[in-house]
Amino acid sequence: MLHITREKITSLVDNGQNRKTEFADHAQVFMLRGLIYNYKQAISYTFASSATKGPERAQQIKDVIRGLQESGFIVVATVCDQGPNNRQALKLLINENRGIYLRKGEEPKENKILINGQEIVPLYDLMMMILMTSPQRN
């Protein structure tokens, strides 16, 4: 529930797999965007009592991508900001990918995520990067 006067979101913690009887103050939304047709659609959301940590976020990314693949979508990239938990999640996924290739005796592909045999490129949101490095912000 959104309390506009308090500028807070209050609900129970729910990451899609587990629900806790703690109040949540963070919401996370996964969106799908078309490359050929211009559309955006919210496809998943979670509530947390603090910022979602990297390992949990990495698992959520994999779960969402697997769900999209099972629905017939071809996921070619992910986009997020450069927050520390996003960076940690992507690093975990890239290192997991590296391990998969090394176990096969193949050269690991740089900066790619491998989910269900499909290579996915992780990207950072360019507009957010520009905003974070602008002189007006410093």
N, C-alpha and C. Protein backbone atom coordinates (compact mmCIF):
# COMPACT_ATOMS: atom_id res chain seq x y z
N MET A 1 0.85 -1.17 0.00
CA MET A 1 0.00 0.00 0.00
C MET A 1 0.90 1.23 0.00
N LEU A 2 0.57 2.23 -0.78
CA LEU A 2 1.34 3.46 -0.87
C LEU A 2 0.70 4.52 0.01
N HIS A 3 1.48 5.06 0.95
CA HIS A 3 1.03 6.16 1.79
C HIS A 3 1.68 7.43 1.26
N ILE A 4 0.91 8.22 0.55
CA ILE A 4 1.47 9.42 -0.08
C ILE A 4 1.93 10.42 0.97
N THR A 5 1.19 10.58 2.04
CA THR A 5 1.57 11.57 3.05
C THR A 5 2.87 11.20 3.73
N ARG A 6 3.15 9.92 3.89
CA ARG A 6 4.40 9.48 4.52
C ARG A 6 5.48 9.20 3.48
N GLU A 7 5.12 9.23 2.19
CA GLU A 7 6.04 8.92 1.10
C GLU A 7 6.70 7.56 1.32
N LYS A 8 5.92 6.59 1.75
CA LYS A 8 6.42 5.24 2.00
C LYS A 8 5.48 4.21 1.44
N ILE A 9 6.04 3.07 1.11
CA ILE A 9 5.24 1.92 0.71
C ILE A 9 5.22 0.97 1.89
N THR A 10 4.03 0.61 2.33
CA THR A 10 3.94 -0.34 3.42
C THR A 10 3.10 -1.53 2.99
N SER A 11 3.66 -2.66 3.11
CA SER A 11 3.02 -3.92 2.81
C SER A 11 3.90 -4.96 3.48
N LEU A 12 3.61 -6.21 3.26
CA LEU A 12 4.45 -7.25 3.83
C LEU A 12 5.53 -7.65 2.84
N VAL A 13 6.67 -8.06 3.38
CA VAL A 13 7.79 -8.50 2.55
C VAL A 13 7.37 -9.71 1.74
N ASP A 14 7.57 -9.65 0.42
CA ASP A 14 7.18 -10.75 -0.47
C ASP A 14 8.08 -10.69 -1.70
N ASN A 15 8.93 -11.71 -1.87
CA ASN A 15 9.83 -11.72 -3.02
C ASN A 15 9.37 -12.67 -4.12
N GLY A 16 8.15 -13.14 -4.03
CA GLY A 16 7.62 -14.05 -5.03
C GLY A 16 7.81 -15.51 -4.65
N GLN A 17 8.80 -15.80 -3.83
CA GLN A 17 9.05 -17.15 -3.34
C GLN A 17 8.67 -17.28 -1.87
N ASN A 18 8.98 -16.25 -1.11
CA ASN A 18 8.73 -16.26 0.34
C ASN A 18 8.01 -14.99 0.76
N ARG A 19 7.16 -15.13 1.75
CA ARG A 19 6.46 -13.98 2.31
C ARG A 19 6.78 -13.95 3.80
N LYS A 20 7.09 -12.77 4.32
CA LYS A 20 7.43 -12.62 5.73
C LYS A 20 6.44 -11.66 6.37
N THR A 21 6.30 -11.76 7.66
CA THR A 21 5.40 -10.86 8.38
C THR A 21 6.16 -9.62 8.85
N GLU A 22 6.92 -9.05 7.95
CA GLU A 22 7.63 -7.79 8.18
C GLU A 22 7.07 -6.76 7.21
N PHE A 23 7.08 -5.51 7.65
CA PHE A 23 6.62 -4.46 6.75
C PHE A 23 7.69 -4.18 5.70
N ALA A 24 7.26 -4.00 4.48
CA ALA A 24 8.17 -3.68 3.37
C ALA A 24 8.22 -2.17 3.17
N ASP A 25 9.39 -1.68 2.83
CA ASP A 25 9.53 -0.26 2.52
C ASP A 25 10.20 -0.04 1.16
N HIS A 26 10.43 -1.12 0.43
CA HIS A 26 11.00 -1.05 -0.92
C HIS A 26 10.16 -1.90 -1.86
N ALA A 27 9.99 -1.43 -3.07
CA ALA A 27 9.32 -2.21 -4.12
C ALA A 27 10.28 -2.31 -5.30
N GLN A 28 10.26 -3.45 -5.95
CA GLN A 28 11.10 -3.67 -7.12
C GLN A 28 10.21 -4.17 -8.25
N VAL A 29 10.36 -3.59 -9.42
CA VAL A 29 9.52 -3.96 -10.56
C VAL A 29 10.41 -4.43 -11.70
N PHE A 30 10.05 -5.56 -12.30
CA PHE A 30 10.70 -6.04 -13.52
C PHE A 30 9.78 -5.69 -14.67
N MET A 31 10.36 -5.10 -15.72
CA MET A 31 9.58 -4.68 -16.88
C MET A 31 10.08 -5.41 -18.12
N LEU A 32 9.17 -5.60 -19.05
CA LEU A 32 9.48 -6.18 -20.35
C LEU A 32 9.32 -5.08 -21.39
N ARG A 33 10.29 -4.95 -22.28
CA ARG A 33 10.20 -3.94 -23.33
C ARG A 33 10.46 -4.62 -24.67
N GLY A 34 9.66 -4.28 -25.64
CA GLY A 34 9.81 -4.85 -26.97
C GLY A 34 10.90 -4.15 -27.76
N LEU A 35 11.60 -4.91 -28.58
CA LEU A 35 12.62 -4.32 -29.46
C LEU A 35 12.05 -4.00 -30.83
N ILE A 36 11.20 -4.88 -31.34
CA ILE A 36 10.60 -4.66 -32.66
C ILE A 36 9.37 -3.77 -32.54
N TYR A 37 8.50 -4.11 -31.60
CA TYR A 37 7.31 -3.29 -31.33
C TYR A 37 7.57 -2.51 -30.05
N ASN A 38 7.20 -1.25 -30.03
CA ASN A 38 7.47 -0.39 -28.89
C ASN A 38 6.41 -0.58 -27.82
N TYR A 39 6.71 -1.37 -26.82
CA TYR A 39 5.80 -1.55 -25.70
C TYR A 39 6.61 -1.78 -24.43
N LYS A 40 6.00 -1.47 -23.30
CA LYS A 40 6.57 -1.75 -21.99
C LYS A 40 5.46 -2.37 -21.15
N GLN A 41 5.82 -3.37 -20.37
CA GLN A 41 4.84 -4.06 -19.54
C GLN A 41 5.51 -4.49 -18.24
N ALA A 42 4.91 -4.12 -17.12
CA ALA A 42 5.39 -4.64 -15.83
C ALA A 42 5.04 -6.13 -15.79
N ILE A 43 6.01 -6.96 -15.44
CA ILE A 43 5.77 -8.41 -15.44
C ILE A 43 5.98 -9.05 -14.08
N SER A 44 6.65 -8.36 -13.17
CA SER A 44 6.90 -8.93 -11.85
C SER A 44 7.20 -7.80 -10.88
N TYR A 45 6.79 -7.97 -9.64
CA TYR A 45 7.16 -7.00 -8.62
C TYR A 45 7.36 -7.73 -7.30
N THR A 46 8.22 -7.16 -6.47
CA THR A 46 8.50 -7.72 -5.15
C THR A 46 8.49 -6.59 -4.13
N PHE A 47 8.31 -6.96 -2.87
CA PHE A 47 8.37 -6.01 -1.77
C PHE A 47 9.43 -6.49 -0.79
N ALA A 48 10.25 -5.57 -0.30
CA ALA A 48 11.34 -5.93 0.61
C ALA A 48 11.40 -4.94 1.77
N SER A 49 12.02 -5.36 2.87
CA SER A 49 12.16 -4.48 4.03
C SER A 49 13.42 -3.62 3.93
N SER A 50 14.24 -3.87 2.95
CA SER A 50 15.41 -3.04 2.64
C SER A 50 15.77 -3.36 1.19
N ALA A 51 16.82 -2.74 0.70
CA ALA A 51 17.22 -3.02 -0.68
C ALA A 51 17.51 -4.51 -0.84
N THR A 52 17.05 -5.08 -1.94
CA THR A 52 17.27 -6.50 -2.21
C THR A 52 18.76 -6.74 -2.46
N LYS A 53 19.33 -7.67 -1.72
CA LYS A 53 20.76 -7.96 -1.82
C LYS A 53 21.08 -8.64 -3.16
N GLY A 54 22.33 -8.54 -3.57
CA GLY A 54 22.78 -9.05 -4.86
C GLY A 54 22.43 -10.50 -5.14
N PRO A 55 22.72 -11.45 -4.23
CA PRO A 55 22.41 -12.86 -4.52
C PRO A 55 20.91 -13.11 -4.73
N GLU A 56 20.08 -12.47 -3.92
CA GLU A 56 18.63 -12.64 -4.10
C GLU A 56 18.17 -12.00 -5.40
N ARG A 57 18.73 -10.84 -5.71
CA ARG A 57 18.37 -10.17 -6.97
C ARG A 57 18.81 -10.99 -8.18
N ALA A 58 19.99 -11.62 -8.10
CA ALA A 58 20.45 -12.47 -9.19
C ALA A 58 19.47 -13.62 -9.41
N GLN A 59 18.99 -14.23 -8.33
CA GLN A 59 18.03 -15.32 -8.45
C GLN A 59 16.72 -14.82 -9.06
N GLN A 60 16.28 -13.62 -8.65
CA GLN A 60 15.05 -13.05 -9.21
C GLN A 60 15.21 -12.79 -10.70
N ILE A 61 16.36 -12.28 -11.11
CA ILE A 61 16.61 -12.03 -12.54
C ILE A 61 16.50 -13.34 -13.32
N LYS A 62 17.15 -14.39 -12.80
CA LYS A 62 17.09 -15.69 -13.48
C LYS A 62 15.66 -16.21 -13.54
N ASP A 63 14.92 -16.09 -12.44
CA ASP A 63 13.54 -16.59 -12.41
C ASP A 63 12.66 -15.85 -13.42
N VAL A 64 12.80 -14.52 -13.48
CA VAL A 64 12.00 -13.72 -14.41
C VAL A 64 12.35 -14.07 -15.86
N ILE A 65 13.64 -14.18 -16.15
CA ILE A 65 14.05 -14.51 -17.52
C ILE A 65 13.57 -15.90 -17.91
N ARG A 66 13.69 -16.87 -17.00
CA ARG A 66 13.20 -18.22 -17.30
C ARG A 66 11.69 -18.21 -17.58
N GLY A 67 10.95 -17.44 -16.79
CA GLY A 67 9.51 -17.33 -17.01
C GLY A 67 9.20 -16.74 -18.38
N LEU A 68 9.95 -15.72 -18.77
CA LEU A 68 9.75 -15.11 -20.09
C LEU A 68 10.09 -16.10 -21.20
N GLN A 69 11.18 -16.83 -21.03
CA GLN A 69 11.57 -17.82 -22.04
C GLN A 69 10.51 -18.90 -22.17
N GLU A 70 9.98 -19.36 -21.04
CA GLU A 70 8.92 -20.38 -21.07
C GLU A 70 7.66 -19.86 -21.74
N SER A 71 7.47 -18.54 -21.72
CA SER A 71 6.30 -17.92 -22.36
C SER A 71 6.53 -17.63 -23.84
N GLY A 72 7.73 -17.94 -24.34
CA GLY A 72 8.01 -17.75 -25.76
C GLY A 72 8.79 -16.50 -26.11
N PHE A 73 9.17 -15.71 -25.12
CA PHE A 73 9.96 -14.50 -25.40
C PHE A 73 11.43 -14.86 -25.56
N ILE A 74 12.11 -14.09 -26.39
CA ILE A 74 13.55 -14.22 -26.55
C ILE A 74 14.17 -13.01 -25.86
N VAL A 75 14.79 -13.25 -24.73
CA VAL A 75 15.40 -12.17 -23.96
C VAL A 75 16.82 -11.97 -24.48
N VAL A 76 17.13 -10.76 -24.93
CA VAL A 76 18.46 -10.49 -25.49
C VAL A 76 19.31 -9.62 -24.57
N ALA A 77 18.67 -8.88 -23.65
CA ALA A 77 19.43 -7.99 -22.77
C ALA A 77 18.64 -7.70 -21.50
N THR A 78 19.37 -7.30 -20.47
CA THR A 78 18.77 -6.76 -19.26
C THR A 78 19.27 -5.33 -19.12
N VAL A 79 18.49 -4.48 -18.50
CA VAL A 79 18.89 -3.09 -18.26
C VAL A 79 18.58 -2.75 -16.81
N CYS A 80 19.55 -2.16 -16.12
CA CYS A 80 19.34 -1.72 -14.74
C CYS A 80 20.26 -0.54 -14.45
N ASP A 81 20.07 0.09 -13.29
CA ASP A 81 20.98 1.15 -12.90
C ASP A 81 22.24 0.53 -12.30
N GLN A 82 23.20 1.37 -11.93
CA GLN A 82 24.48 0.87 -11.44
C GLN A 82 24.52 0.82 -9.92
N GLY A 83 23.39 0.60 -9.28
CA GLY A 83 23.38 0.46 -7.83
C GLY A 83 24.25 -0.72 -7.41
N PRO A 84 24.77 -0.69 -6.18
CA PRO A 84 25.69 -1.75 -5.75
C PRO A 84 25.07 -3.15 -5.79
N ASN A 85 23.80 -3.27 -5.46
CA ASN A 85 23.16 -4.59 -5.47
C ASN A 85 22.95 -5.10 -6.90
N ASN A 86 22.65 -4.19 -7.82
CA ASN A 86 22.53 -4.59 -9.24
C ASN A 86 23.89 -5.03 -9.78
N ARG A 87 24.94 -4.28 -9.45
CA ARG A 87 26.28 -4.65 -9.91
C ARG A 87 26.69 -6.01 -9.34
N GLN A 88 26.39 -6.23 -8.06
CA GLN A 88 26.73 -7.51 -7.45
C GLN A 88 25.96 -8.65 -8.11
N ALA A 89 24.67 -8.45 -8.36
CA ALA A 89 23.84 -9.49 -8.99
C ALA A 89 24.39 -9.83 -10.37
N LEU A 90 24.71 -8.82 -11.16
CA LEU A 90 25.23 -9.07 -12.51
C LEU A 90 26.59 -9.75 -12.47
N LYS A 91 27.43 -9.35 -11.52
CA LYS A 91 28.73 -9.99 -11.38
C LYS A 91 28.56 -11.47 -11.04
N LEU A 92 27.63 -11.79 -10.14
CA LEU A 92 27.36 -13.19 -9.80
C LEU A 92 26.90 -13.97 -11.03
N LEU A 93 25.99 -13.39 -11.80
CA LEU A 93 25.47 -14.07 -12.99
C LEU A 93 26.55 -14.25 -14.06
N ILE A 94 27.39 -13.24 -14.25
CA ILE A 94 28.47 -13.34 -15.23
C ILE A 94 29.49 -14.39 -14.80
N ASN A 95 29.82 -14.42 -13.50
CA ASN A 95 30.77 -15.43 -13.01
C ASN A 95 30.19 -16.84 -13.11
N GLU A 96 28.89 -16.97 -12.88
CA GLU A 96 28.22 -18.26 -13.05
C GLU A 96 28.34 -18.71 -14.51
N ASN A 97 28.13 -17.78 -15.42
CA ASN A 97 28.26 -18.05 -16.86
C ASN A 97 29.68 -18.50 -17.19
N ARG A 98 30.65 -17.81 -16.61
CA ARG A 98 32.06 -18.15 -16.84
C ARG A 98 32.33 -19.60 -16.43
N GLY A 99 31.78 -20.00 -15.28
CA GLY A 99 31.95 -21.37 -14.79
C GLY A 99 31.33 -22.40 -15.73
N ILE A 100 30.17 -22.08 -16.28
CA ILE A 100 29.49 -22.99 -17.22
C ILE A 100 30.38 -23.24 -18.43
N TYR A 101 30.94 -22.17 -19.00
CA TYR A 101 31.79 -22.32 -20.19
C TYR A 101 33.08 -23.07 -19.86
N LEU A 102 33.69 -22.77 -18.70
CA LEU A 102 34.94 -23.44 -18.34
C LEU A 102 34.73 -24.93 -18.11
N ARG A 103 33.59 -25.31 -17.51
CA ARG A 103 33.30 -26.73 -17.30
C ARG A 103 33.11 -27.46 -18.63
N LYS A 104 32.65 -26.74 -19.65
CA LYS A 104 32.50 -27.34 -20.99
C LYS A 104 33.82 -27.35 -21.75
N GLY A 105 34.86 -26.72 -21.18
CA GLY A 105 36.15 -26.63 -21.86
C GLY A 105 36.17 -25.56 -22.93
N GLU A 106 35.24 -24.61 -22.85
CA GLU A 106 35.15 -23.53 -23.84
C GLU A 106 35.65 -22.23 -23.22
N GLU A 107 36.00 -21.31 -24.08
CA GLU A 107 36.43 -19.98 -23.64
C GLU A 107 35.21 -19.20 -23.15
N PRO A 108 35.27 -18.65 -21.92
CA PRO A 108 34.11 -17.88 -21.42
C PRO A 108 33.86 -16.63 -22.26
N LYS A 109 32.60 -16.31 -22.46
CA LYS A 109 32.22 -15.10 -23.19
C LYS A 109 32.20 -13.95 -22.18
N GLU A 110 32.79 -12.85 -22.54
CA GLU A 110 32.88 -11.70 -21.64
C GLU A 110 31.54 -11.02 -21.45
N ASN A 111 31.25 -10.69 -20.22
CA ASN A 111 30.09 -9.88 -19.86
C ASN A 111 28.78 -10.37 -20.47
N LYS A 112 28.54 -11.66 -20.39
CA LYS A 112 27.27 -12.21 -20.85
C LYS A 112 26.72 -13.12 -19.78
N ILE A 113 25.40 -13.18 -19.75
CA ILE A 113 24.69 -14.08 -18.84
C ILE A 113 24.15 -15.22 -19.69
N LEU A 114 24.20 -16.43 -19.18
CA LEU A 114 23.69 -17.58 -19.90
C LEU A 114 22.55 -18.18 -19.08
N ILE A 115 21.34 -18.15 -19.63
CA ILE A 115 20.18 -18.72 -18.96
C ILE A 115 19.45 -19.61 -19.96
N ASN A 116 19.30 -20.87 -19.59
CA ASN A 116 18.68 -21.88 -20.47
C ASN A 116 19.35 -21.92 -21.84
N GLY A 117 20.68 -21.78 -21.86
CA GLY A 117 21.42 -21.86 -23.11
C GLY A 117 21.37 -20.61 -23.96
N GLN A 118 20.70 -19.58 -23.49
CA GLN A 118 20.57 -18.33 -24.26
C GLN A 118 21.49 -17.27 -23.67
N GLU A 119 22.31 -16.66 -24.50
CA GLU A 119 23.19 -15.59 -24.05
C GLU A 119 22.42 -14.28 -23.95
N ILE A 120 22.60 -13.60 -22.83
CA ILE A 120 21.90 -12.34 -22.56
C ILE A 120 22.94 -11.30 -22.17
N VAL A 121 22.84 -10.12 -22.74
CA VAL A 121 23.79 -9.05 -22.47
C VAL A 121 23.25 -8.16 -21.36
N PRO A 122 23.99 -8.02 -20.25
CA PRO A 122 23.56 -7.08 -19.21
C PRO A 122 24.02 -5.66 -19.55
N LEU A 123 23.10 -4.72 -19.49
CA LEU A 123 23.40 -3.32 -19.81
C LEU A 123 23.03 -2.44 -18.62
N TYR A 124 23.71 -1.31 -18.52
CA TYR A 124 23.33 -0.31 -17.52
C TYR A 124 22.56 0.80 -18.22
N ASP A 125 21.62 1.39 -17.52
CA ASP A 125 20.76 2.43 -18.04
C ASP A 125 21.60 3.67 -18.36
N LEU A 126 21.70 4.01 -19.63
CA LEU A 126 22.53 5.13 -20.08
C LEU A 126 22.08 6.46 -19.48
N MET A 127 20.79 6.70 -19.45
CA MET A 127 20.30 7.98 -18.91
C MET A 127 20.66 8.12 -17.43
N MET A 128 20.57 7.02 -16.69
CA MET A 128 20.92 7.06 -15.27
C MET A 128 22.42 7.33 -15.11
N MET A 129 23.23 6.76 -16.00
CA MET A 129 24.68 6.99 -15.94
C MET A 129 24.99 8.46 -16.22
N ILE A 130 24.29 9.05 -17.18
CA ILE A 130 24.51 10.46 -17.50
C ILE A 130 24.10 11.33 -16.32
N LEU A 131 22.96 11.04 -15.71
CA LEU A 131 22.51 11.81 -14.56
C LEU A 131 23.48 11.72 -13.40
N MET A 132 24.01 10.52 -13.15
CA MET A 132 24.89 10.32 -12.00
C MET A 132 26.25 10.99 -12.19
N THR A 133 26.65 11.25 -13.43
CA THR A 133 27.96 11.86 -13.68
C THR A 133 27.86 13.32 -14.11
N SER A 134 26.66 13.88 -14.11
CA SER A 134 26.51 15.26 -14.57
C SER A 134 27.12 16.23 -13.56
N PRO A 135 27.67 17.34 -14.03
CA PRO A 135 28.30 18.32 -13.13
C PRO A 135 27.30 18.93 -12.14
N GLN A 136 26.05 19.04 -12.53
CA GLN A 136 25.04 19.63 -11.64
C GLN A 136 24.80 18.76 -10.42
N ARG A 137 25.04 17.47 -10.54
CA ARG A 137 24.82 16.55 -9.43
C ARG A 137 25.93 16.67 -8.40
N ASN A 138 27.14 17.03 -8.82
CA ASN A 138 28.29 17.06 -7.91
C ASN A 138 28.32 18.29 -7.09
